[in-house]
Every structure is written in C-alpha cells, then in structure tokens.
Amino acid sequence: MQVRLAGLVERERAEVGLELTDAAIPVTVDLIKDREAEGYAFDVAEASLELLMRRTDAARLLLVAAL
C-alpha cells in the first residue's frame, strides 16, 4: 500500500508540476493513509489529492520560514 500511495503522489506531483520535496512524500502518504482509513478515496479524486499535497507543501514552507 505504501508503494502504491507513493507512486500516486509521484505521478500527481509530476502531472500538476508541484514542487513537493522528497521529504514531504512520506508525510503526504501518511496523511492519505489516515484519510483513506476514514473512507476517503484519493485514487479517484485527483483534485482532492492535489489539494492535500499543496497543503502538505505549504505547511513545510511555513515551518522552514519559521526557522
């Protein structure tokens, strides 16, 4: 499952041109797993996946800026 989700994030990152760092991928995968456990299905909801990825990257940027 981890590999499938990481592949999904990689494809989406390339497709939308999002500069999600390699370090953010495992964080995004963990968020997806948590949401899927709650009933979400990101493999059929590309816009939702893109928003989640953008939020993950935005949080990383805020953290870096705070340092």
Protein backbone atom coordinates (compact mmCIF):
# COMPACT_ATOMS: atom_id res chain seq x y z
CA MET A 1 0.00 0.00 0.00
CA GLN A 2 2.84 2.39 0.87
CA VAL A 3 4.41 1.89 -2.56
CA ARG A 4 1.07 2.39 -4.35
CA LEU A 5 0.44 5.63 -2.50
CA ALA A 6 3.97 6.92 -3.03
CA GLY A 7 3.58 6.19 -6.75
CA LEU A 8 0.25 8.00 -6.77
CA VAL A 9 1.82 11.06 -5.11
CA GLU A 10 4.78 10.98 -7.52
CA ARG A 11 2.50 10.84 -10.58
CA GLU A 12 0.30 13.63 -9.29
CA ARG A 13 3.33 15.75 -8.39
CA ALA A 14 4.68 15.41 -11.93
CA GLU A 15 1.28 15.94 -13.54
CA VAL A 16 0.45 19.21 -11.79
CA GLY A 17 4.04 20.45 -11.63
CA LEU A 18 4.01 20.72 -7.86
CA GLU A 19 7.44 21.11 -6.29
CA LEU A 20 6.74 18.76 -3.42
CA THR A 21 10.04 17.80 -1.80
CA ASP A 22 11.12 14.19 -1.46
CA ALA A 23 10.89 14.59 2.32
CA ALA A 24 7.25 15.65 2.03
CA ILE A 25 6.22 12.50 0.16
CA PRO A 26 6.15 10.18 3.22
CA VAL A 27 4.22 12.84 5.16
CA THR A 28 1.71 13.09 2.32
CA VAL A 29 1.44 9.29 2.12
CA ASP A 30 0.74 9.11 5.86
CA LEU A 31 -1.98 11.76 5.50
CA ILE A 32 -3.53 9.83 2.61
CA LYS A 33 -3.49 6.60 4.64
CA ASP A 34 -5.18 8.35 7.56
CA ARG A 35 -7.85 9.84 5.30
CA GLU A 36 -8.42 6.55 3.47
CA ALA A 37 -8.96 4.87 6.83
CA GLU A 38 -11.73 7.43 7.33
CA GLY A 39 -13.30 6.49 3.98
CA TYR A 40 -11.71 8.91 1.51
CA ALA A 41 -10.58 7.57 -1.90
CA PHE A 42 -7.81 9.69 -3.38
CA ASP A 43 -7.02 7.42 -6.33
CA VAL A 44 -10.31 8.51 -7.92
CA ALA A 45 -10.32 12.09 -6.61
CA GLU A 46 -7.34 13.78 -8.22
CA ALA A 47 -8.35 17.30 -7.20
CA SER A 48 -8.58 16.24 -3.56
CA LEU A 49 -5.15 14.65 -3.77
CA GLU A 50 -3.69 17.79 -5.32
CA LEU A 51 -5.16 19.95 -2.54
CA LEU A 52 -3.78 17.62 0.14
CA MET A 53 -0.35 17.73 -1.50
CA ARG A 54 -0.43 21.52 -1.73
CA ARG A 55 -1.39 21.78 1.96
CA THR A 56 1.48 19.46 2.92
CA ASP A 57 3.96 21.52 0.92
CA ALA A 58 2.57 24.81 2.27
CA ALA A 59 2.94 23.55 5.85
CA ARG A 60 6.55 22.59 5.11
CA LEU A 61 7.27 26.04 3.69
CA LEU A 62 5.78 27.71 6.77
CA LEU A 63 7.90 25.53 9.04
CA VAL A 64 11.07 26.34 7.11
CA ALA A 65 10.24 30.05 7.16
CA ALA A 66 9.78 29.91 10.94
CA LEU A 67 13.26 28.50 11.43
